[in-house]
Amino acid sequence: EIIEGKLYGLGANDAGGALVSMIMAFTHFYNMQNLPFNLLLCAAA
């Protein structure tokens, strides 16, 4: 639930915000050719 700019819920802060930020970055670069580095993603348990 979003109230006054806050997203409430178990795991929202630890570590949901971190996880979805990283997933978005990974998906943004996933198809990019000629990157000078590999980008890896692990959503861990």
ModelCIF file with pLDDT and N, C-alpha, C, O atoms, coordinates in Angstrom:
data_MODEL
#
_entry.id   MODEL 
#
_entity.id                         1 
_entity.type                       polymer 
_entity.pdbx_number_of_molecules   1 
#
_entity_poly.entity_id                      1 
_entity_poly.type                           'polypeptide(L)' 
_entity_poly.nstd_linkage                   no 
_entity_poly.nstd_monomer                   no 
_entity_poly.pdbx_seq_one_letter_code       EIIEGKLYGLGANDAGGALVSMIMAFTHFYNMQNLPFNLLLCAAA 
_entity_poly.pdbx_seq_one_letter_code_can   EIIEGKLYGLGANDAGGALVSMIMAFTHFYNMQNLPFNLLLCAAA 
_entity_poly.pdbx_strand_id                 A 
#
loop_
_entity_poly_seq.entity_id 
_entity_poly_seq.num 
_entity_poly_seq.mon_id 
_entity_poly_seq.hetero 
1 1  GLU n 
1 2  ILE n 
1 3  ILE n 
1 4  GLU n 
1 5  GLY n 
1 6  LYS n 
1 7  LEU n 
1 8  TYR n 
1 9  GLY n 
1 10 LEU n 
1 11 GLY n 
1 12 ALA n 
1 13 ASN n 
1 14 ASP n 
1 15 ALA n 
1 16 GLY n 
1 17 GLY n 
1 18 ALA n 
1 19 LEU n 
1 20 VAL n 
1 21 SER n 
1 22 MET n 
1 23 ILE n 
1 24 MET n 
1 25 ALA n 
1 26 PHE n 
1 27 THR n 
1 28 HIS n 
1 29 PHE n 
1 30 TYR n 
1 31 ASN n 
1 32 MET n 
1 33 GLN n 
1 34 ASN n 
1 35 LEU n 
1 36 PRO n 
1 37 PHE n 
1 38 ASN n 
1 39 LEU n 
1 40 LEU n 
1 41 LEU n 
1 42 CYS n 
1 43 ALA n 
1 44 ALA n 
1 45 ALA n 
#
_struct_asym.id          A 
_struct_asym.entity_id   1 
#
loop_
_ma_qa_metric.id 
_ma_qa_metric.mode 
_ma_qa_metric.name 
_ma_qa_metric.software_group_id 
_ma_qa_metric.type 
1 global pLDDT . pLDDT 
2 local  pLDDT . pLDDT 
#
_ma_qa_metric_global.metric_id      1 
_ma_qa_metric_global.metric_value   96.53 
_ma_qa_metric_global.model_id       1 
_ma_qa_metric_global.ordinal_id     1 
#
loop_
_ma_qa_metric_local.label_asym_id 
_ma_qa_metric_local.label_comp_id 
_ma_qa_metric_local.label_seq_id 
_ma_qa_metric_local.metric_id 
_ma_qa_metric_local.metric_value 
_ma_qa_metric_local.model_id 
_ma_qa_metric_local.ordinal_id 
A GLU 1  2 96.00 1 1  
A ILE 2  2 97.00 1 2  
A ILE 3  2 97.00 1 3  
A GLU 4  2 97.00 1 4  
A GLY 5  2 97.00 1 5  
A LYS 6  2 97.00 1 6  
A LEU 7  2 97.00 1 7  
A TYR 8  2 97.00 1 8  
A GLY 9  2 97.00 1 9  
A LEU 10 2 97.00 1 10 
A GLY 11 2 96.00 1 11 
A ALA 12 2 97.00 1 12 
A ASN 13 2 96.00 1 13 
A ASP 14 2 93.00 1 14 
A ALA 15 2 93.00 1 15 
A GLY 16 2 96.00 1 16 
A GLY 17 2 97.00 1 17 
A ALA 18 2 97.00 1 18 
A LEU 19 2 98.00 1 19 
A VAL 20 2 98.00 1 20 
A SER 21 2 98.00 1 21 
A MET 22 2 98.00 1 22 
A ILE 23 2 98.00 1 23 
A MET 24 2 98.00 1 24 
A ALA 25 2 97.00 1 25 
A PHE 26 2 98.00 1 26 
A THR 27 2 97.00 1 27 
A HIS 28 2 96.00 1 28 
A PHE 29 2 97.00 1 29 
A TYR 30 2 97.00 1 30 
A ASN 31 2 96.00 1 31 
A MET 32 2 95.00 1 32 
A GLN 33 2 93.00 1 33 
A ASN 34 2 90.00 1 34 
A LEU 35 2 94.00 1 35 
A PRO 36 2 94.00 1 36 
A PHE 37 2 95.00 1 37 
A ASN 38 2 97.00 1 38 
A LEU 39 2 98.00 1 39 
A LEU 40 2 98.00 1 40 
A LEU 41 2 98.00 1 41 
A CYS 42 2 98.00 1 42 
A ALA 43 2 98.00 1 43 
A ALA 44 2 98.00 1 44 
A ALA 45 2 98.00 1 45 
#
loop_
_atom_site.group_PDB 
_atom_site.id 
_atom_site.type_symbol 
_atom_site.label_atom_id 
_atom_site.label_alt_id 
_atom_site.label_comp_id 
_atom_site.label_asym_id 
_atom_site.label_entity_id 
_atom_site.label_seq_id 
_atom_site.pdbx_PDB_ins_code 
_atom_site.Cartn_x 
_atom_site.Cartn_y 
_atom_site.Cartn_z 
_atom_site.occupancy 
_atom_site.B_iso_or_equiv 
_atom_site.pdbx_formal_charge 
_atom_site.auth_seq_id 
_atom_site.auth_comp_id 
_atom_site.auth_asym_id 
_atom_site.auth_atom_id 
_atom_site.pdbx_PDB_model_num 
ATOM 1   N N  . GLU A 1 1  ? 0.840  -1.192  0.000   1.00 96.00 ? 1  GLU A N  1 
ATOM 2   C CA . GLU A 1 1  ? 0.000  0.000   0.000   1.00 96.00 ? 1  GLU A CA 1 
ATOM 3   C C  . GLU A 1 1  ? 0.877  1.244   0.000   1.00 96.00 ? 1  GLU A C  1 
ATOM 4   O O  . GLU A 1 1  ? 1.810  1.354   0.796   1.00 96.00 ? 1  GLU A O  1 
ATOM 5   N N  . ILE A 1 2  ? 0.578  2.174   -0.889  1.00 97.00 ? 2  ILE A N  1 
ATOM 6   C CA . ILE A 1 2  ? 1.330  3.431   -0.949  1.00 97.00 ? 2  ILE A CA 1 
ATOM 7   C C  . ILE A 1 2  ? 0.521  4.520   -0.251  1.00 97.00 ? 2  ILE A C  1 
ATOM 8   O O  . ILE A 1 2  ? -0.608 4.815   -0.643  1.00 97.00 ? 2  ILE A O  1 
ATOM 9   N N  . ILE A 1 3  ? 1.113  5.114   0.788   1.00 97.00 ? 3  ILE A N  1 
ATOM 10  C CA . ILE A 1 3  ? 0.479  6.197   1.537   1.00 97.00 ? 3  ILE A CA 1 
ATOM 11  C C  . ILE A 1 3  ? 1.502  7.308   1.721   1.00 97.00 ? 3  ILE A C  1 
ATOM 12  O O  . ILE A 1 3  ? 2.569  7.101   2.299   1.00 97.00 ? 3  ILE A O  1 
ATOM 13  N N  . GLU A 1 4  ? 1.161  8.477   1.225   1.00 97.00 ? 4  GLU A N  1 
ATOM 14  C CA . GLU A 1 4  ? 2.028  9.662   1.357   1.00 97.00 ? 4  GLU A CA 1 
ATOM 15  C C  . GLU A 1 4  ? 3.459  9.373   0.903   1.00 97.00 ? 4  GLU A C  1 
ATOM 16  O O  . GLU A 1 4  ? 4.426  9.744   1.568   1.00 97.00 ? 4  GLU A O  1 
ATOM 17  N N  . GLY A 1 5  ? 3.568  8.707   -0.237  1.00 97.00 ? 5  GLY A N  1 
ATOM 18  C CA . GLY A 1 5  ? 4.881  8.448   -0.827  1.00 97.00 ? 5  GLY A CA 1 
ATOM 19  C C  . GLY A 1 5  ? 5.639  7.290   -0.224  1.00 97.00 ? 5  GLY A C  1 
ATOM 20  O O  . GLY A 1 5  ? 6.795  7.061   -0.580  1.00 97.00 ? 5  GLY A O  1 
ATOM 21  N N  . LYS A 1 6  ? 5.011  6.540   0.693   1.00 97.00 ? 6  LYS A N  1 
ATOM 22  C CA . LYS A 1 6  ? 5.656  5.395   1.324   1.00 97.00 ? 6  LYS A CA 1 
ATOM 23  C C  . LYS A 1 6  ? 4.988  4.110   0.836   1.00 97.00 ? 6  LYS A C  1 
ATOM 24  O O  . LYS A 1 6  ? 3.763  3.986   0.855   1.00 97.00 ? 6  LYS A O  1 
ATOM 25  N N  . LEU A 1 7  ? 5.809  3.160   0.399   1.00 97.00 ? 7  LEU A N  1 
ATOM 26  C CA . LEU A 1 7  ? 5.301  1.845   0.031   1.00 97.00 ? 7  LEU A CA 1 
ATOM 27  C C  . LEU A 1 7  ? 5.454  0.927   1.240   1.00 97.00 ? 7  LEU A C  1 
ATOM 28  O O  . LEU A 1 7  ? 6.570  0.593   1.638   1.00 97.00 ? 7  LEU A O  1 
ATOM 29  N N  . TYR A 1 8  ? 4.322  0.522   1.823   1.00 97.00 ? 8  TYR A N  1 
ATOM 30  C CA . TYR A 1 8  ? 4.328  -0.330  3.007   1.00 97.00 ? 8  TYR A CA 1 
ATOM 31  C C  . TYR A 1 8  ? 4.267  -1.797  2.608   1.00 97.00 ? 8  TYR A C  1 
ATOM 32  O O  . TYR A 1 8  ? 3.706  -2.158  1.574   1.00 97.00 ? 8  TYR A O  1 
ATOM 33  N N  . GLY A 1 9  ? 4.866  -2.639  3.463   1.00 97.00 ? 9  GLY A N  1 
ATOM 34  C CA . GLY A 1 9  ? 4.784  -4.080  3.270   1.00 97.00 ? 9  GLY A CA 1 
ATOM 35  C C  . GLY A 1 9  ? 6.057  -4.771  3.727   1.00 97.00 ? 9  GLY A C  1 
ATOM 36  O O  . GLY A 1 9  ? 7.143  -4.195  3.665   1.00 97.00 ? 9  GLY A O  1 
ATOM 37  N N  . LEU A 1 10 ? 5.919  -6.006  4.186   1.00 97.00 ? 10 LEU A N  1 
ATOM 38  C CA . LEU A 1 10 ? 7.065  -6.782  4.652   1.00 97.00 ? 10 LEU A CA 1 
ATOM 39  C C  . LEU A 1 10 ? 8.062  -6.994  3.515   1.00 97.00 ? 10 LEU A C  1 
ATOM 40  O O  . LEU A 1 10 ? 7.697  -7.483  2.446   1.00 97.00 ? 10 LEU A O  1 
ATOM 41  N N  . GLY A 1 11 ? 9.326  -6.623  3.750   1.00 96.00 ? 11 GLY A N  1 
ATOM 42  C CA . GLY A 1 11 ? 10.363 -6.777  2.730   1.00 96.00 ? 11 GLY A CA 1 
ATOM 43  C C  . GLY A 1 11 ? 10.491 -5.594  1.802   1.00 96.00 ? 11 GLY A C  1 
ATOM 44  O O  . GLY A 1 11 ? 11.359 -5.593  0.930   1.00 96.00 ? 11 GLY A O  1 
ATOM 45  N N  . ALA A 1 12 ? 9.648  -4.580  1.962   1.00 97.00 ? 12 ALA A N  1 
ATOM 46  C CA . ALA A 1 12 ? 9.729  -3.411  1.081   1.00 97.00 ? 12 ALA A CA 1 
ATOM 47  C C  . ALA A 1 12 ? 11.085 -2.732  1.195   1.00 97.00 ? 12 ALA A C  1 
ATOM 48  O O  . ALA A 1 12 ? 11.686 -2.341  0.195   1.00 97.00 ? 12 ALA A O  1 
ATOM 49  N N  . ASN A 1 13 ? 11.550 -2.602  2.414   1.00 96.00 ? 13 ASN A N  1 
ATOM 50  C CA . ASN A 1 13 ? 12.814 -1.915  2.681   1.00 96.00 ? 13 ASN A CA 1 
ATOM 51  C C  . ASN A 1 13 ? 13.995 -2.875  2.689   1.00 96.00 ? 13 ASN A C  1 
ATOM 52  O O  . ASN A 1 13 ? 15.077 -2.540  2.205   1.00 96.00 ? 13 ASN A O  1 
ATOM 53  N N  . ASP A 1 14 ? 13.791 -4.058  3.233   1.00 93.00 ? 14 ASP A N  1 
ATOM 54  C CA . ASP A 1 14 ? 14.869 -5.036  3.390   1.00 93.00 ? 14 ASP A CA 1 
ATOM 55  C C  . ASP A 1 14 ? 14.456 -6.352  2.749   1.00 93.00 ? 14 ASP A C  1 
ATOM 56  O O  . ASP A 1 14 ? 13.772 -7.156  3.381   1.00 93.00 ? 14 ASP A O  1 
ATOM 57  N N  . ALA A 1 15 ? 14.862 -6.585  1.501   1.00 93.00 ? 15 ALA A N  1 
ATOM 58  C CA . ALA A 1 15 ? 15.682 -5.683  0.694   1.00 93.00 ? 15 ALA A CA 1 
ATOM 59  C C  . ALA A 1 15 ? 14.993 -5.440  -0.641  1.00 93.00 ? 15 ALA A C  1 
ATOM 60  O O  . ALA A 1 15 ? 15.642 -5.407  -1.686  1.00 93.00 ? 15 ALA A O  1 
ATOM 61  N N  . GLY A 1 16 ? 13.652 -5.268  -0.601  1.00 96.00 ? 16 GLY A N  1 
ATOM 62  C CA . GLY A 1 16 ? 12.907 -5.155  -1.846  1.00 96.00 ? 16 GLY A CA 1 
ATOM 63  C C  . GLY A 1 16 ? 13.327 -4.008  -2.732  1.00 96.00 ? 16 GLY A C  1 
ATOM 64  O O  . GLY A 1 16 ? 13.474 -4.171  -3.943  1.00 96.00 ? 16 GLY A O  1 
ATOM 65  N N  . GLY A 1 17 ? 13.522 -2.830  -2.127  1.00 97.00 ? 17 GLY A N  1 
ATOM 66  C CA . GLY A 1 17 ? 13.930 -1.676  -2.923  1.00 97.00 ? 17 GLY A CA 1 
ATOM 67  C C  . GLY A 1 17 ? 15.262 -1.898  -3.610  1.00 97.00 ? 17 GLY A C  1 
ATOM 68  O O  . GLY A 1 17 ? 15.447 -1.522  -4.768  1.00 97.00 ? 17 GLY A O  1 
ATOM 69  N N  . ALA A 1 18 ? 16.196 -2.518  -2.885  1.00 97.00 ? 18 ALA A N  1 
ATOM 70  C CA . ALA A 1 18 ? 17.504 -2.837  -3.465  1.00 97.00 ? 18 ALA A CA 1 
ATOM 71  C C  . ALA A 1 18 ? 17.357 -3.844  -4.597  1.00 97.00 ? 18 ALA A C  1 
ATOM 72  O O  . ALA A 1 18 ? 17.936 -3.672  -5.669  1.00 97.00 ? 18 ALA A O  1 
ATOM 73  N N  . LEU A 1 19 ? 16.580 -4.893  -4.354  1.00 98.00 ? 19 LEU A N  1 
ATOM 74  C CA . LEU A 1 19 ? 16.443 -5.966  -5.337  1.00 98.00 ? 19 LEU A CA 1 
ATOM 75  C C  . LEU A 1 19 ? 15.842 -5.464  -6.644  1.00 98.00 ? 19 LEU A C  1 
ATOM 76  O O  . LEU A 1 19 ? 16.375 -5.745  -7.718  1.00 98.00 ? 19 LEU A O  1 
ATOM 77  N N  . VAL A 1 20 ? 14.742 -4.726  -6.564  1.00 98.00 ? 20 VAL A N  1 
ATOM 78  C CA . VAL A 1 20 ? 14.102 -4.295  -7.815  1.00 98.00 ? 20 VAL A CA 1 
ATOM 79  C C  . VAL A 1 20 ? 14.940 -3.250  -8.542  1.00 98.00 ? 20 VAL A C  1 
ATOM 80  O O  . VAL A 1 20 ? 14.903 -3.177  -9.770  1.00 98.00 ? 20 VAL A O  1 
ATOM 81  N N  . SER A 1 21 ? 15.699 -2.437  -7.799  1.00 98.00 ? 21 SER A N  1 
ATOM 82  C CA . SER A 1 21 ? 16.605 -1.480  -8.447  1.00 98.00 ? 21 SER A CA 1 
ATOM 83  C C  . SER A 1 21 ? 17.652 -2.215  -9.268  1.00 98.00 ? 21 SER A C  1 
ATOM 84  O O  . SER A 1 21 ? 17.963 -1.824  -10.394 1.00 98.00 ? 21 SER A O  1 
ATOM 85  N N  . MET A 1 22 ? 18.193 -3.287  -8.691  1.00 98.00 ? 22 MET A N  1 
ATOM 86  C CA . MET A 1 22 ? 19.216 -4.066  -9.386  1.00 98.00 ? 22 MET A CA 1 
ATOM 87  C C  . MET A 1 22 ? 18.637 -4.828  -10.568 1.00 98.00 ? 22 MET A C  1 
ATOM 88  O O  . MET A 1 22 ? 19.268 -4.926  -11.621 1.00 98.00 ? 22 MET A O  1 
ATOM 89  N N  . ILE A 1 23 ? 17.436 -5.365  -10.394 1.00 98.00 ? 23 ILE A N  1 
ATOM 90  C CA . ILE A 1 23 ? 16.799 -6.078  -11.505 1.00 98.00 ? 23 ILE A CA 1 
ATOM 91  C C  . ILE A 1 23 ? 16.572 -5.138  -12.681 1.00 98.00 ? 23 ILE A C  1 
ATOM 92  O O  . ILE A 1 23 ? 16.779 -5.526  -13.831 1.00 98.00 ? 23 ILE A O  1 
ATOM 93  N N  . MET A 1 24 ? 16.147 -3.900  -12.404 1.00 98.00 ? 24 MET A N  1 
ATOM 94  C CA . MET A 1 24 ? 15.911 -2.946  -13.491 1.00 98.00 ? 24 MET A CA 1 
ATOM 95  C C  . MET A 1 24 ? 17.216 -2.590  -14.211 1.00 98.00 ? 24 MET A C  1 
ATOM 96  O O  . MET A 1 24 ? 17.244 -2.480  -15.436 1.00 98.00 ? 24 MET A O  1 
ATOM 97  N N  . ALA A 1 25 ? 18.272 -2.416  -13.455 1.00 97.00 ? 25 ALA A N  1 
ATOM 98  C CA . ALA A 1 25 ? 19.565 -2.121  -14.090 1.00 97.00 ? 25 ALA A CA 1 
ATOM 99  C C  . ALA A 1 25 ? 20.019 -3.296  -14.947 1.00 97.00 ? 25 ALA A C  1 
ATOM 100 O O  . ALA A 1 25 ? 20.500 -3.112  -16.066 1.00 97.00 ? 25 ALA A O  1 
ATOM 101 N N  . PHE A 1 26 ? 19.860 -4.514  -14.408 1.00 98.00 ? 26 PHE A N  1 
ATOM 102 C CA . PHE A 1 26 ? 20.269 -5.705  -15.160 1.00 98.00 ? 26 PHE A CA 1 
ATOM 103 C C  . PHE A 1 26 ? 19.485 -5.819  -16.460 1.00 98.00 ? 26 PHE A C  1 
ATOM 104 O O  . PHE A 1 26 ? 20.066 -6.079  -17.515 1.00 98.00 ? 26 PHE A O  1 
ATOM 105 N N  . THR A 1 27 ? 18.168 -5.627  -16.392 1.00 97.00 ? 27 THR A N  1 
ATOM 106 C CA . THR A 1 27 ? 17.355 -5.763  -17.605 1.00 97.00 ? 27 THR A CA 1 
ATOM 107 C C  . THR A 1 27 ? 17.683 -4.662  -18.614 1.00 97.00 ? 27 THR A C  1 
ATOM 108 O O  . THR A 1 27 ? 17.609 -4.879  -19.823 1.00 97.00 ? 27 THR A O  1 
ATOM 109 N N  . HIS A 1 28 ? 18.042 -3.487  -18.114 1.00 96.00 ? 28 HIS A N  1 
ATOM 110 C CA . HIS A 1 28 ? 18.394 -2.387  -19.023 1.00 96.00 ? 28 HIS A CA 1 
ATOM 111 C C  . HIS A 1 28 ? 19.613 -2.738  -19.868 1.00 96.00 ? 28 HIS A C  1 
ATOM 112 O O  . HIS A 1 28 ? 19.670 -2.400  -21.050 1.00 96.00 ? 28 HIS A O  1 
ATOM 113 N N  . PHE A 1 29 ? 20.587 -3.414  -19.266 1.00 97.00 ? 29 PHE A N  1 
ATOM 114 C CA . PHE A 1 29 ? 21.834 -3.710  -19.967 1.00 97.00 ? 29 PHE A CA 1 
ATOM 115 C C  . PHE A 1 29 ? 21.874 -5.124  -20.550 1.00 97.00 ? 29 PHE A C  1 
ATOM 116 O O  . PHE A 1 29 ? 22.834 -5.477  -21.235 1.00 97.00 ? 29 PHE A O  1 
ATOM 117 N N  . TYR A 1 30 ? 20.857 -5.932  -20.290 1.00 97.00 ? 30 TYR A N  1 
ATOM 118 C CA . TYR A 1 30 ? 20.903 -7.345  -20.664 1.00 97.00 ? 30 TYR A CA 1 
ATOM 119 C C  . TYR A 1 30 ? 21.223 -7.559  -22.136 1.00 97.00 ? 30 TYR A C  1 
ATOM 120 O O  . TYR A 1 30 ? 22.077 -8.381  -22.468 1.00 97.00 ? 30 TYR A O  1 
ATOM 121 N N  . ASN A 1 31 ? 20.554 -6.835  -23.017 1.00 96.00 ? 31 ASN A N  1 
ATOM 122 C CA . ASN A 1 31 ? 20.712 -7.036  -24.465 1.00 96.00 ? 31 ASN A CA 1 
ATOM 123 C C  . ASN A 1 31 ? 21.834 -6.213  -25.091 1.00 96.00 ? 31 ASN A C  1 
ATOM 124 O O  . ASN A 1 31 ? 22.053 -6.287  -26.300 1.00 96.00 ? 31 ASN A O  1 
ATOM 125 N N  . MET A 1 32 ? 22.534 -5.441  -24.294 1.00 95.00 ? 32 MET A N  1 
ATOM 126 C CA . MET A 1 32 ? 23.520 -4.514  -24.845 1.00 95.00 ? 32 MET A CA 1 
ATOM 127 C C  . MET A 1 32 ? 24.775 -5.265  -25.292 1.00 95.00 ? 32 MET A C  1 
ATOM 128 O O  . MET A 1 32 ? 25.368 -6.021  -24.523 1.00 95.00 ? 32 MET A O  1 
ATOM 129 N N  . GLN A 1 33 ? 25.164 -5.046  -26.533 1.00 93.00 ? 33 GLN A N  1 
ATOM 130 C CA . GLN A 1 33 ? 26.382 -5.662  -27.055 1.00 93.00 ? 33 GLN A CA 1 
ATOM 131 C C  . GLN A 1 33 ? 27.593 -4.778  -26.738 1.00 93.00 ? 33 GLN A C  1 
ATOM 132 O O  . GLN A 1 33 ? 27.473 -3.580  -26.485 1.00 93.00 ? 33 GLN A O  1 
ATOM 133 N N  . ASN A 1 34 ? 28.762 -5.424  -26.764 1.00 90.00 ? 34 ASN A N  1 
ATOM 134 C CA . ASN A 1 34 ? 30.039 -4.723  -26.634 1.00 90.00 ? 34 ASN A CA 1 
ATOM 135 C C  . ASN A 1 34 ? 30.232 -4.041  -25.285 1.00 90.00 ? 34 ASN A C  1 
ATOM 136 O O  . ASN A 1 34 ? 30.986 -3.074  -25.181 1.00 90.00 ? 34 ASN A O  1 
ATOM 137 N N  . LEU A 1 35 ? 29.557 -4.538  -24.253 1.00 94.00 ? 35 LEU A N  1 
ATOM 138 C CA . LEU A 1 35 ? 29.870 -4.056  -22.909 1.00 94.00 ? 35 LEU A CA 1 
ATOM 139 C C  . LEU A 1 35 ? 31.298 -4.482  -22.565 1.00 94.00 ? 35 LEU A C  1 
ATOM 140 O O  . LEU A 1 35 ? 31.701 -5.590  -22.919 1.00 94.00 ? 35 LEU A O  1 
ATOM 141 N N  . PRO A 1 36 ? 32.072 -3.637  -21.887 1.00 94.00 ? 36 PRO A N  1 
ATOM 142 C CA . PRO A 1 36 ? 33.429 -4.042  -21.512 1.00 94.00 ? 36 PRO A CA 1 
ATOM 143 C C  . PRO A 1 36 ? 33.457 -4.925  -20.274 1.00 94.00 ? 36 PRO A C  1 
ATOM 144 O O  . PRO A 1 36 ? 34.527 -5.333  -19.822 1.00 94.00 ? 36 PRO A O  1 
ATOM 145 N N  . PHE A 1 37 ? 32.299 -5.217  -19.731 1.00 95.00 ? 37 PHE A N  1 
ATOM 146 C CA . PHE A 1 37 ? 32.197 -6.083  -18.558 1.00 95.00 ? 37 PHE A CA 1 
ATOM 147 C C  . PHE A 1 37 ? 30.929 -6.927  -18.696 1.00 95.00 ? 37 PHE A C  1 
ATOM 148 O O  . PHE A 1 37 ? 30.028 -6.593  -19.465 1.00 95.00 ? 37 PHE A O  1 
ATOM 149 N N  . ASN A 1 38 ? 30.875 -8.029  -17.935 1.00 97.00 ? 38 ASN A N  1 
ATOM 150 C CA . ASN A 1 38 ? 29.650 -8.812  -17.817 1.00 97.00 ? 38 ASN A CA 1 
ATOM 151 C C  . ASN A 1 38 ? 28.851 -8.288  -16.635 1.00 97.00 ? 38 ASN A C  1 
ATOM 152 O O  . ASN A 1 38 ? 29.415 -7.847  -15.634 1.00 97.00 ? 38 ASN A O  1 
ATOM 153 N N  . LEU A 1 39 ? 27.537 -8.341  -16.762 1.00 98.00 ? 39 LEU A N  1 
ATOM 154 C CA . LEU A 1 39 ? 26.670 -7.976  -15.649 1.00 98.00 ? 39 LEU A CA 1 
ATOM 155 C C  . LEU A 1 39 ? 25.898 -9.226  -15.239 1.00 98.00 ? 39 LEU A C  1 
ATOM 156 O O  . LEU A 1 39 ? 25.250 -9.867  -16.068 1.00 98.00 ? 39 LEU A O  1 
ATOM 157 N N  . LEU A 1 40 ? 25.973 -9.564  -13.962 1.00 98.00 ? 40 LEU A N  1 
ATOM 158 C CA . LEU A 1 40 ? 25.356 -10.766 -13.418 1.00 98.00 ? 40 LEU A CA 1 
ATOM 159 C C  . LEU A 1 40 ? 24.291 -10.375 -12.402 1.00 98.00 ? 40 LEU A C  1 
ATOM 160 O O  . LEU A 1 40 ? 24.389 -9.327  -11.762 1.00 98.00 ? 40 LEU A O  1 
ATOM 161 N N  . LEU A 1 41 ? 23.280 -11.215 -12.257 1.00 98.00 ? 41 LEU A N  1 
ATOM 162 C CA . LEU A 1 41 ? 22.201 -10.941 -11.308 1.00 98.00 ? 41 LEU A CA 1 
ATOM 163 C C  . LEU A 1 41 ? 21.940 -12.174 -10.458 1.00 98.00 ? 41 LEU A C  1 
ATOM 164 O O  . LEU A 1 41 ? 21.835 -13.286 -10.976 1.00 98.00 ? 41 LEU A O  1 
ATOM 165 N N  . CYS A 1 42 ? 21.836 -11.971 -9.148  1.00 98.00 ? 42 CYS A N  1 
ATOM 166 C CA . CYS A 1 42 ? 21.429 -13.041 -8.246  1.00 98.00 ? 42 CYS A CA 1 
ATOM 167 C C  . CYS A 1 42 ? 20.399 -12.497 -7.266  1.00 98.00 ? 42 CYS A C  1 
ATOM 168 O O  . CYS A 1 42 ? 20.713 -11.670 -6.410  1.00 98.00 ? 42 CYS A O  1 
ATOM 169 N N  . ALA A 1 43 ? 19.162 -12.974 -7.402  1.00 98.00 ? 43 ALA A N  1 
ATOM 170 C CA . ALA A 1 43 ? 18.108 -12.686 -6.424  1.00 98.00 ? 43 ALA A CA 1 
ATOM 171 C C  . ALA A 1 43 ? 18.122 -13.855 -5.451  1.00 98.00 ? 43 ALA A C  1 
ATOM 172 O O  . ALA A 1 43 ? 17.603 -14.929 -5.752  1.00 98.00 ? 43 ALA A O  1 
ATOM 173 N N  . ALA A 1 44 ? 18.713 -13.644 -4.295  1.00 98.00 ? 44 ALA A N  1 
ATOM 174 C CA . ALA A 1 44 ? 19.090 -14.743 -3.411  1.00 98.00 ? 44 ALA A CA 1 
ATOM 175 C C  . ALA A 1 44 ? 18.017 -15.073 -2.377  1.00 98.00 ? 44 ALA A C  1 
ATOM 176 O O  . ALA A 1 44 ? 17.160 -14.256 -2.041  1.00 98.00 ? 44 ALA A O  1 
ATOM 177 N N  . ALA A 1 45 ? 18.107 -16.297 -1.896  1.00 98.00 ? 45 ALA A N  1 
ATOM 178 C CA . ALA A 1 45 ? 17.241 -16.791 -0.825  1.00 98.00 ? 45 ALA A CA 1 
ATOM 179 C C  . ALA A 1 45 ? 18.050 -16.902 0.472   1.00 98.00 ? 45 ALA A C  1 
ATOM 180 O O  . ALA A 1 45 ? 17.510 -17.302 1.504   1.00 98.00 ? 45 ALA A O  1 
#
